[in-house]
Amino acid sequence: MGEHKKFCHCCGKEFAMNGDMYMEEFLHIEKEWGYFSDQDGMNMSVDVCEKCLMGWIKNFKHKPELQERAEL
């Protein structure tokens, strides 16, 4: 499998890679827009780095639920 560069769609940062493995976490969102949207019929794909995601979440009216997990 060849190298595929990815960037944060918010800040433009390139995600670090080692071979085919990304060396940092990021959020990947895919959305297929439907009838009740101005984007009806469009597919969207977005990648957001952890720093931008945490900044975005600070502005949420309702905070996401967080649950600590035990490492396996």
N, C-alpha and C. Protein backbone atom coordinates (compact mmCIF):
# COMPACT_ATOMS: atom_id res chain seq x y z
N MET A 1 0.84 -1.17 0.00
CA MET A 1 0.00 0.00 0.00
C MET A 1 0.89 1.24 0.00
N GLY A 2 0.62 2.19 -0.87
CA GLY A 2 1.44 3.40 -0.98
C GLY A 2 1.08 4.43 0.06
N GLU A 3 1.99 5.36 0.25
CA GLU A 3 1.80 6.44 1.22
C GLU A 3 0.69 7.37 0.74
N HIS A 4 -0.20 7.74 1.65
CA HIS A 4 -1.30 8.65 1.34
C HIS A 4 -1.27 9.78 2.36
N LYS A 5 -0.85 10.97 1.94
CA LYS A 5 -0.77 12.11 2.85
C LYS A 5 -2.17 12.60 3.20
N LYS A 6 -2.32 13.00 4.46
CA LYS A 6 -3.57 13.58 4.94
C LYS A 6 -3.23 14.86 5.68
N PHE A 7 -4.17 15.80 5.63
CA PHE A 7 -4.00 17.09 6.26
C PHE A 7 -5.23 17.42 7.09
N CYS A 8 -5.05 18.23 8.14
CA CYS A 8 -6.18 18.75 8.92
C CYS A 8 -6.89 19.78 8.05
N HIS A 9 -8.17 19.60 7.86
CA HIS A 9 -8.94 20.53 7.04
C HIS A 9 -9.13 21.88 7.74
N CYS A 10 -8.89 21.96 9.06
CA CYS A 10 -9.02 23.23 9.78
C CYS A 10 -7.74 24.06 9.68
N CYS A 11 -6.62 23.52 10.15
CA CYS A 11 -5.38 24.30 10.24
C CYS A 11 -4.39 24.02 9.12
N GLY A 12 -4.60 22.94 8.37
CA GLY A 12 -3.71 22.61 7.25
C GLY A 12 -2.52 21.75 7.61
N LYS A 13 -2.37 21.40 8.89
CA LYS A 13 -1.23 20.58 9.35
C LYS A 13 -1.24 19.23 8.65
N GLU A 14 -0.06 18.78 8.20
CA GLU A 14 0.07 17.44 7.62
C GLU A 14 0.25 16.44 8.76
N PHE A 15 -0.49 15.33 8.70
CA PHE A 15 -0.37 14.29 9.73
C PHE A 15 0.89 13.47 9.48
N ALA A 16 1.71 13.33 10.54
CA ALA A 16 2.98 12.61 10.44
C ALA A 16 2.74 11.13 10.19
N MET A 17 3.59 10.56 9.35
CA MET A 17 3.48 9.14 9.03
C MET A 17 4.82 8.45 9.23
N ASN A 18 4.76 7.14 9.51
CA ASN A 18 5.92 6.26 9.53
C ASN A 18 5.53 5.08 8.67
N GLY A 19 5.99 5.05 7.43
CA GLY A 19 5.55 4.03 6.48
C GLY A 19 4.10 4.29 6.13
N ASP A 20 3.23 3.31 6.36
CA ASP A 20 1.80 3.44 6.08
C ASP A 20 0.99 3.77 7.32
N MET A 21 1.67 4.06 8.45
CA MET A 21 0.98 4.29 9.71
C MET A 21 1.03 5.77 10.10
N TYR A 22 -0.13 6.33 10.44
CA TYR A 22 -0.17 7.70 10.95
C TYR A 22 0.34 7.70 12.38
N MET A 23 1.18 8.66 12.72
CA MET A 23 1.83 8.71 14.03
C MET A 23 1.11 9.64 15.00
N GLU A 24 -0.10 10.03 14.66
CA GLU A 24 -0.91 10.85 15.55
C GLU A 24 -2.37 10.57 15.29
N GLU A 25 -3.19 10.87 16.27
CA GLU A 25 -4.62 10.66 16.16
C GLU A 25 -5.28 11.85 15.48
N PHE A 26 -6.34 11.58 14.74
CA PHE A 26 -7.16 12.64 14.16
C PHE A 26 -8.56 12.10 13.96
N LEU A 27 -9.51 13.01 13.84
CA LEU A 27 -10.91 12.63 13.63
C LEU A 27 -11.19 12.64 12.14
N HIS A 28 -11.76 11.55 11.64
CA HIS A 28 -12.17 11.45 10.24
C HIS A 28 -13.70 11.41 10.22
N ILE A 29 -14.30 12.31 9.46
CA ILE A 29 -15.76 12.39 9.36
C ILE A 29 -16.15 12.19 7.90
N GLU A 30 -17.13 11.32 7.66
CA GLU A 30 -17.70 11.15 6.33
C GLU A 30 -19.20 11.38 6.43
N LYS A 31 -19.75 12.12 5.47
CA LYS A 31 -21.17 12.43 5.48
C LYS A 31 -21.73 12.33 4.08
N GLU A 32 -22.83 11.59 3.94
CA GLU A 32 -23.61 11.54 2.71
C GLU A 32 -24.83 12.41 2.94
N TRP A 33 -24.91 13.56 2.25
CA TRP A 33 -26.00 14.51 2.46
C TRP A 33 -27.25 14.04 1.74
N GLY A 34 -28.41 14.29 2.38
CA GLY A 34 -29.70 13.83 1.86
C GLY A 34 -30.67 14.94 1.57
N TYR A 35 -31.91 14.56 1.42
CA TYR A 35 -33.00 15.43 0.96
C TYR A 35 -33.13 16.76 1.67
N PHE A 36 -32.98 16.79 2.99
CA PHE A 36 -33.28 17.99 3.75
C PHE A 36 -32.06 18.89 3.94
N SER A 37 -31.12 18.82 3.01
CA SER A 37 -29.90 19.61 3.07
C SER A 37 -29.68 20.35 1.76
N ASP A 38 -29.01 21.49 1.85
CA ASP A 38 -28.61 22.20 0.63
C ASP A 38 -27.53 21.44 -0.13
N GLN A 39 -26.91 20.46 0.52
CA GLN A 39 -25.86 19.63 -0.10
C GLN A 39 -26.41 18.29 -0.60
N ASP A 40 -27.70 18.18 -0.81
CA ASP A 40 -28.34 16.94 -1.22
C ASP A 40 -27.58 16.29 -2.38
N GLY A 41 -27.26 15.01 -2.21
CA GLY A 41 -26.57 14.26 -3.25
C GLY A 41 -25.06 14.34 -3.18
N MET A 42 -24.53 15.11 -2.23
CA MET A 42 -23.08 15.28 -2.10
C MET A 42 -22.53 14.38 -0.99
N ASN A 43 -21.30 13.90 -1.18
CA ASN A 43 -20.56 13.18 -0.15
C ASN A 43 -19.43 14.08 0.31
N MET A 44 -19.19 14.12 1.62
CA MET A 44 -18.16 14.98 2.18
C MET A 44 -17.25 14.15 3.07
N SER A 45 -15.95 14.44 3.04
CA SER A 45 -14.96 13.77 3.87
C SER A 45 -14.06 14.84 4.49
N VAL A 46 -13.88 14.79 5.82
CA VAL A 46 -13.11 15.80 6.54
C VAL A 46 -12.21 15.12 7.56
N ASP A 47 -10.98 15.61 7.69
CA ASP A 47 -10.05 15.16 8.73
C ASP A 47 -9.70 16.36 9.60
N VAL A 48 -9.71 16.17 10.94
CA VAL A 48 -9.45 17.25 11.88
C VAL A 48 -8.44 16.77 12.92
N CYS A 49 -7.35 17.55 13.13
CA CYS A 49 -6.34 17.17 14.11
C CYS A 49 -6.90 17.31 15.53
N GLU A 50 -6.23 16.71 16.49
CA GLU A 50 -6.69 16.73 17.88
C GLU A 50 -6.78 18.15 18.43
N LYS A 51 -5.79 19.00 18.12
CA LYS A 51 -5.79 20.37 18.63
C LYS A 51 -7.01 21.15 18.11
N CYS A 52 -7.29 21.05 16.82
CA CYS A 52 -8.45 21.75 16.26
C CYS A 52 -9.75 21.17 16.80
N LEU A 53 -9.82 19.85 16.95
CA LEU A 53 -11.03 19.22 17.48
C LEU A 53 -11.32 19.70 18.90
N MET A 54 -10.29 19.75 19.75
CA MET A 54 -10.50 20.19 21.13
C MET A 54 -10.93 21.66 21.16
N GLY A 55 -10.40 22.50 20.29
CA GLY A 55 -10.83 23.89 20.19
C GLY A 55 -12.28 24.00 19.73
N TRP A 56 -12.67 23.17 18.78
CA TRP A 56 -14.03 23.15 18.27
C TRP A 56 -15.01 22.73 19.38
N ILE A 57 -14.66 21.67 20.10
CA ILE A 57 -15.52 21.13 21.16
C ILE A 57 -15.75 22.16 22.27
N LYS A 58 -14.76 23.01 22.56
CA LYS A 58 -14.92 24.04 23.59
C LYS A 58 -16.10 24.97 23.29
N ASN A 59 -16.48 25.08 22.03
CA ASN A 59 -17.58 25.96 21.63
C ASN A 59 -18.93 25.25 21.57
N PHE A 60 -18.96 23.94 21.83
CA PHE A 60 -20.22 23.19 21.80
C PHE A 60 -21.12 23.64 22.94
N LYS A 61 -22.39 23.77 22.69
CA LYS A 61 -23.35 24.09 23.74
C LYS A 61 -23.53 22.88 24.67
N HIS A 62 -23.57 21.69 24.11
CA HIS A 62 -23.67 20.45 24.88
C HIS A 62 -22.37 19.67 24.68
N LYS A 63 -21.64 19.47 25.75
CA LYS A 63 -20.34 18.80 25.69
C LYS A 63 -20.51 17.31 25.39
N PRO A 64 -19.57 16.72 24.66
CA PRO A 64 -19.66 15.28 24.38
C PRO A 64 -19.44 14.47 25.66
N GLU A 65 -20.02 13.29 25.69
CA GLU A 65 -19.81 12.39 26.83
C GLU A 65 -18.43 11.76 26.71
N LEU A 66 -17.70 11.73 27.81
CA LEU A 66 -16.39 11.11 27.85
C LEU A 66 -16.43 9.95 28.82
N GLN A 67 -15.83 8.85 28.41
CA GLN A 67 -15.73 7.67 29.27
C GLN A 67 -14.30 7.16 29.21
N GLU A 68 -13.67 7.03 30.38
CA GLU A 68 -12.32 6.48 30.41
C GLU A 68 -12.40 4.99 30.14
N ARG A 69 -11.47 4.49 29.36
CA ARG A 69 -11.45 3.06 29.07
C ARG A 69 -10.17 2.44 29.58
N ALA A 70 -10.27 1.19 29.93
CA ALA A 70 -9.09 0.45 30.38
C ALA A 70 -8.34 -0.04 29.15
N GLU A 71 -7.03 0.12 29.16
CA GLU A 71 -6.22 -0.38 28.04
C GLU A 71 -6.22 -1.90 28.05
N LEU A 72 -6.27 -2.47 26.89
CA LEU A 72 -6.27 -3.93 26.78
C LEU A 72 -4.88 -4.47 26.66
